C-alpha atoms as a PDB file:
ATOM      1  CA  MET A   1     285.597  -0.034 349.259  1.00  0.00           C
ATOM      2  CA  THR A   2     282.246  -1.469 348.398  1.00  0.00           C
ATOM      3  CA  SER A   3     278.752  -0.202 348.999  1.00  0.00           C
ATOM      4  CA  GLY A   4     278.380  -2.541 351.991  1.00  0.00           C
ATOM      5  CA  SER A   5     280.889  -0.765 354.258  1.00  0.00           C
ATOM      6  CA  ARG A   6     281.864   2.684 353.000  1.00  0.00           C
ATOM      7  CA  SER A   7     281.552   4.496 356.325  1.00  0.00           C
ATOM      8  CA  ALA A   8     285.000   3.457 357.607  1.00  0.00           C
ATOM      9  CA  PRO A   9     288.101   5.544 356.853  1.00  0.00           C
ATOM     10  CA  SER A  10     290.794   4.280 354.463  1.00  0.00           C
ATOM     11  CA  THR A  11     292.254   0.908 355.434  1.00  0.00           C
ATOM     12  CA  LEU A  12     295.562  -0.634 354.395  1.00  0.00           C
ATOM     13  CA  LEU A  13     294.655  -3.768 352.441  1.00  0.00           C
ATOM     14  CA  HIS A  14     298.166  -5.013 351.637  1.00  0.00           C
ATOM     15  CA  ARG A  15     301.734  -3.731 351.420  1.00  0.00           C
ATOM     16  CA  PHE A  16     304.391  -4.888 348.973  1.00  0.00           C
ATOM     17  CA  ASP A  17     307.970  -3.807 349.735  1.00  0.00           C
ATOM     18  CA  ARG A  18     308.818  -4.000 346.061  1.00  0.00           C
ATOM     19  CA  THR A  19     308.722  -1.837 342.955  1.00  0.00           C
ATOM     20  CA  PHE A  20     305.902  -2.517 340.483  1.00  0.00           C
ATOM     21  CA  ARG A  21     305.550  -1.227 336.946  1.00  0.00           C
ATOM     22  CA  VAL A  22     302.454  -1.036 334.794  1.00  0.00           C
ATOM     23  CA  TRP A  23     303.068  -4.027 332.573  1.00  0.00           C
ATOM     24  CA  HIS A  24     299.934  -4.633 330.505  1.00  0.00           C
ATOM     25  CA  TYR A  25     296.320  -3.623 330.067  1.00  0.00           C
ATOM     26  CA  GLY A  26     293.977  -5.767 327.989  1.00  0.00           C
ATOM     27  CA  VAL A  27     290.889  -3.925 326.823  1.00  0.00           C
ATOM     28  CA  GLY A  28     289.033  -7.072 325.701  1.00  0.00           C
ATOM     29  CA  HIS A  29     289.075  -8.685 329.130  1.00  0.00           C
ATOM     30  CA  SER A  30     289.512  -5.460 331.135  1.00  0.00           C
ATOM     31  CA  HIS A  31     292.619  -6.870 332.823  1.00  0.00           C
ATOM     32  CA  LEU A  32     295.422  -4.731 334.275  1.00  0.00           C
ATOM     33  CA  LEU A  33     298.797  -6.229 335.213  1.00  0.00           C
ATOM     34  CA  LEU A  34     301.352  -4.559 337.481  1.00  0.00           C
ATOM     35  CA  ARG A  35     304.632  -6.496 337.671  1.00  0.00           C
ATOM     36  CA  SER A  36     307.570  -6.574 340.066  1.00  0.00           C
ATOM     37  CA  ARG A  37     310.463  -8.417 338.432  1.00  0.00           C
ATOM     38  CA  LYS A  38     313.354 -10.282 340.023  1.00  0.00           C
ATOM     39  CA  ASP A  39     316.012  -7.750 340.929  1.00  0.00           C
ATOM     40  CA  GLY A  40     318.924  -9.371 342.769  1.00  0.00           C
ATOM     41  CA  VAL A  41     317.248  -8.789 346.142  1.00  0.00           C
ATOM     42  CA  GLU A  42     313.986 -10.549 345.273  1.00  0.00           C
ATOM     43  CA  ASP A  43     314.326 -14.056 343.835  1.00  0.00           C
ATOM     44  CA  THR A  44     310.767 -14.247 342.466  1.00  0.00           C
ATOM     45  CA  ARG A  45     308.572 -12.188 340.187  1.00  0.00           C
ATOM     46  CA  LEU A  46     305.353 -10.832 341.688  1.00  0.00           C
ATOM     47  CA  ASP A  47     302.334 -10.045 339.490  1.00  0.00           C
ATOM     48  CA  LEU A  48     299.385  -7.962 340.617  1.00  0.00           C
ATOM     49  CA  HIS A  49     296.289  -8.682 338.492  1.00  0.00           C
ATOM     50  CA  PHE A  50     293.239  -6.420 338.488  1.00  0.00           C
ATOM     51  CA  GLU A  51     290.268  -8.156 336.851  1.00  0.00           C
ATOM     52  CA  ALA A  52     287.101  -6.592 335.423  1.00  0.00           C
ATOM     53  CA  VAL A  53     288.669  -3.121 335.380  1.00  0.00           C
ATOM     54  CA  ASP A  54     286.131  -0.331 334.853  1.00  0.00           C
ATOM     55  CA  SER A  55     288.384   2.681 335.410  1.00  0.00           C
ATOM     56  CA  MET A  56     291.863   3.548 336.595  1.00  0.00           C
ATOM     57  CA  ARG A  57     294.295   6.364 337.205  1.00  0.00           C
ATOM     58  CA  LEU A  58     297.906   5.247 337.245  1.00  0.00           C
ATOM     59  CA  VAL A  59     301.527   6.288 337.261  1.00  0.00           C
ATOM     60  CA  THR A  60     303.941   3.967 335.468  1.00  0.00           C
ATOM     61  CA  ARG A  61     305.963   2.943 338.549  1.00  0.00           C
ATOM     62  CA  TYR A  62     305.100   2.187 342.192  1.00  0.00           C
ATOM     63  CA  GLU A  63     307.942   1.872 344.757  1.00  0.00           C
ATOM     64  CA  ASP A  64     306.941   0.131 348.010  1.00  0.00           C
ATOM     65  CA  LEU A  65     303.354  -0.244 346.860  1.00  0.00           C
ATOM     66  CA  GLU A  66     300.459  -0.108 349.320  1.00  0.00           C
ATOM     67  CA  LEU A  67     296.858  -0.986 348.456  1.00  0.00           C
ATOM     68  CA  HIS A  68     294.175   0.891 350.416  1.00  0.00           C
ATOM     69  CA  THR A  69     290.417   1.220 350.529  1.00  0.00           C
ATOM     70  CA  VAL A  70     288.989   4.640 349.667  1.00  0.00           C
ATOM     71  CA  ASP A  71     286.711   6.914 351.704  1.00  0.00           C
ATOM     72  CA  ASP A  72     283.044   7.573 350.947  1.00  0.00           C
ATOM     73  CA  SER A  73     283.594  10.684 348.865  1.00  0.00           C
ATOM     74  CA  GLU A  74     286.262   9.132 346.658  1.00  0.00           C
ATOM     75  CA  PHE A  75     284.198   5.973 346.235  1.00  0.00           C
ATOM     76  CA  ALA A  76     281.227   8.047 345.029  1.00  0.00           C
ATOM     77  CA  ARG A  77     283.412  10.236 342.793  1.00  0.00           C
ATOM     78  CA  VAL A  78     285.066   7.267 341.055  1.00  0.00           C
ATOM     79  CA  TYR A  79     281.704   5.608 340.390  1.00  0.00           C
ATOM     80  CA  GLU A  80     280.188   8.826 339.105  1.00  0.00           C
ATOM     81  CA  GLU A  81     283.130   9.521 336.779  1.00  0.00           C
ATOM     82  CA  SER A  82     283.374   5.946 335.490  1.00  0.00           C
ATOM     83  CA  GLY A  83     279.691   5.607 334.621  1.00  0.00           C
ATOM     84  CA  VAL A  84     279.448   2.129 336.162  1.00  0.00           C
ATOM     85  CA  PRO A  85     275.751   1.378 336.755  1.00  0.00           C
ATOM     86  CA  GLN A  86     274.499   1.468 340.346  1.00  0.00           C
ATOM     87  CA  ARG A  87     273.497  -2.203 340.185  1.00  0.00           C
ATOM     88  CA  TRP A  88     277.167  -3.247 339.738  1.00  0.00           C
ATOM     89  CA  ARG A  89     278.505  -1.481 342.834  1.00  0.00           C
ATOM     90  CA  ASP A  90     278.377  -4.593 345.022  1.00  0.00           C
ATOM     91  CA  THR A  91     280.528  -6.466 342.500  1.00  0.00           C
ATOM     92  CA  ARG A  92     283.305  -3.858 342.266  1.00  0.00           C
ATOM     93  CA  LEU A  93     286.155  -2.472 344.383  1.00  0.00           C
ATOM     94  CA  VAL A  94     287.918   0.859 344.284  1.00  0.00           C
ATOM     95  CA  VAL A  95     291.504   0.232 345.359  1.00  0.00           C
ATOM     96  CA  ARG A  96     293.812   3.189 346.119  1.00  0.00           C
ATOM     97  CA  LEU A  97     297.450   2.666 345.051  1.00  0.00           C
ATOM     98  CA  ARG A  98     300.022   4.528 347.171  1.00  0.00           C
ATOM     99  CA  SER A  99     303.785   4.487 346.911  1.00  0.00           C
ATOM    100  CA  ARG A 100     306.904   6.610 347.255  1.00  0.00           C
ATOM    101  CA  SER A 101     306.790   7.259 343.508  1.00  0.00           C
ATOM    102  CA  GLY A 102     303.108   8.068 342.966  1.00  0.00           C
ATOM    103  CA  THR A 103     299.469   7.316 343.633  1.00  0.00           C
ATOM    104  CA  GLY A 104     296.440   6.167 341.686  1.00  0.00           C
ATOM    105  CA  TYR A 105     293.388   3.941 341.867  1.00  0.00           C
ATOM    106  CA  VAL A 106     291.785   0.981 340.101  1.00  0.00           C
ATOM    107  CA  GLN A 107     288.045   0.271 340.005  1.00  0.00           C
ATOM    108  CA  CYS A 108     287.733  -3.478 339.444  1.00  0.00           C
ATOM    109  CA  GLY A 109     286.031  -6.743 340.299  1.00  0.00           C
ATOM    110  CA  ARG A 110     288.997  -8.564 341.877  1.00  0.00           C
ATOM    111  CA  VAL A 111     292.683  -8.185 342.760  1.00  0.00           C
ATOM    112  CA  ILE A 112     295.120 -11.122 342.792  1.00  0.00           C
ATOM    113  CA  ALA A 113     298.822 -11.149 343.682  1.00  0.00           C
ATOM    114  CA  ASP A 114     300.754 -14.193 342.544  1.00  0.00           C
ATOM    115  CA  ARG A 115     304.390 -15.243 342.710  1.00  0.00           C
ATOM    116  CA  HIS A 116     306.460 -16.756 339.893  1.00  0.00           C
ATOM    117  CA  GLN A 117     309.895 -18.370 339.947  1.00  0.00           C
ATOM    118  CA  ASP A 118     310.834 -17.172 336.468  1.00  0.00           C
ATOM    119  CA  ASP A 119     310.632 -13.707 334.984  1.00  0.00           C
ATOM    120  CA  GLU A 120     309.004 -14.521 331.660  1.00  0.00           C
ATOM    121  CA  GLY A 121     306.699 -17.535 331.422  1.00  0.00           C
ATOM    122  CA  VAL A 122     303.342 -18.283 332.981  1.00  0.00           C
ATOM    123  CA  PRO A 123     303.471 -21.296 335.328  1.00  0.00           C
ATOM    124  CA  ALA A 124     300.970 -24.147 335.082  1.00  0.00           C
ATOM    125  CA  VAL A 125     299.975 -23.655 338.733  1.00  0.00           C
ATOM    126  CA  ARG A 126     299.326 -20.188 340.108  1.00  0.00           C
ATOM    127  CA  ASP A 127     301.010 -19.396 343.458  1.00  0.00           C
ATOM    128  CA  VAL A 128     298.500 -16.879 344.861  1.00  0.00           C
ATOM    129  CA  VAL A 129     299.930 -14.906 347.786  1.00  0.00           C
ATOM    130  CA  TRP A 130     296.961 -12.558 348.296  1.00  0.00           C
ATOM    131  CA  SER A 131     293.600 -11.763 346.712  1.00  0.00           C
ATOM    132  CA  LEU A 132     290.571  -9.596 347.325  1.00  0.00           C
ATOM    133  CA  ARG A 133     286.991  -9.540 346.056  1.00  0.00           C
ATOM    134  CA  PRO A 134     284.290  -7.044 347.054  1.00  0.00           C
ATOM    135  CA  SER A 135     282.851  -9.600 349.484  1.00  0.00           C
ATOM    136  CA  GLY A 136     286.151  -9.524 351.399  1.00  0.00           C
ATOM    137  CA  LEU A 137     285.372  -5.962 352.506  1.00  0.00           C
ATOM    138  CA  ARG A 138     281.831  -6.600 353.742  1.00  0.00           C
ATOM    139  CA  THR A 139     282.276  -9.087 356.585  1.00  0.00           C
ATOM    140  CA  PRO A 140     282.376  -7.198 359.920  1.00  0.00           C
ATOM    141  CA  GLY A 141     285.366  -8.181 362.059  1.00  0.00           C
ATOM    142  CA  ALA A 142     286.925 -10.374 359.363  1.00  0.00           C
ATOM    143  CA  PRO A 143     290.423  -9.740 358.049  1.00  0.00           C
ATOM    144  CA  VAL A 144     290.529  -7.791 354.796  1.00  0.00           C
ATOM    145  CA  GLY A 145     291.312  -9.958 351.770  1.00  0.00           C
ATOM    146  CA  ASP A 146     291.160 -13.683 351.316  1.00  0.00           C
ATOM    147  CA  PRO A 147     292.565 -15.142 354.556  1.00  0.00           C
ATOM    148  CA  ALA A 148     294.968 -17.704 353.135  1.00  0.00           C
ATOM    149  CA  PRO A 149     296.919 -18.153 349.943  1.00  0.00           C
ATOM    150  CA  ARG A 150     295.525 -20.851 347.714  1.00  0.00           C
ATOM    151  CA  ARG A 151     296.556 -22.546 344.536  1.00  0.00           C
ATOM    152  CA  ASP A 152     294.362 -21.985 341.505  1.00  0.00           C
ATOM    153  CA  GLU A 153     294.792 -23.934 338.290  1.00  0.00           C
END
């Protein structure tokens, strides 16, 4: 959650009925990638990008992944342990990862899920299926996350 609305209990942000694996973490840009590859049932690859990552606790595989907000105490604990300055709290999320195969969290600035037709290359146009910024959690009565998919270059 963000500092603007931490009083609510955990909320389901998004559910993916797929298996994701930790695919890459780039220290220089603080970017974490979880990937769900084509598998015979799914005909597209799905990438879950976490940008501006400050801290994380992960397992290597997430089956039927759910993204949730965190409660007040976990929010405070993650920020205390990560050492992120108080002034940055409004620009960060703490996203709880839950699945049949494990749990974890990511403290980050943004989450983006995008779809790809192939399993290897990066397409010229991003097919964003869902995204979330800290501001998406602060609007009372609004749906959680960006309301509609959009195409980013």
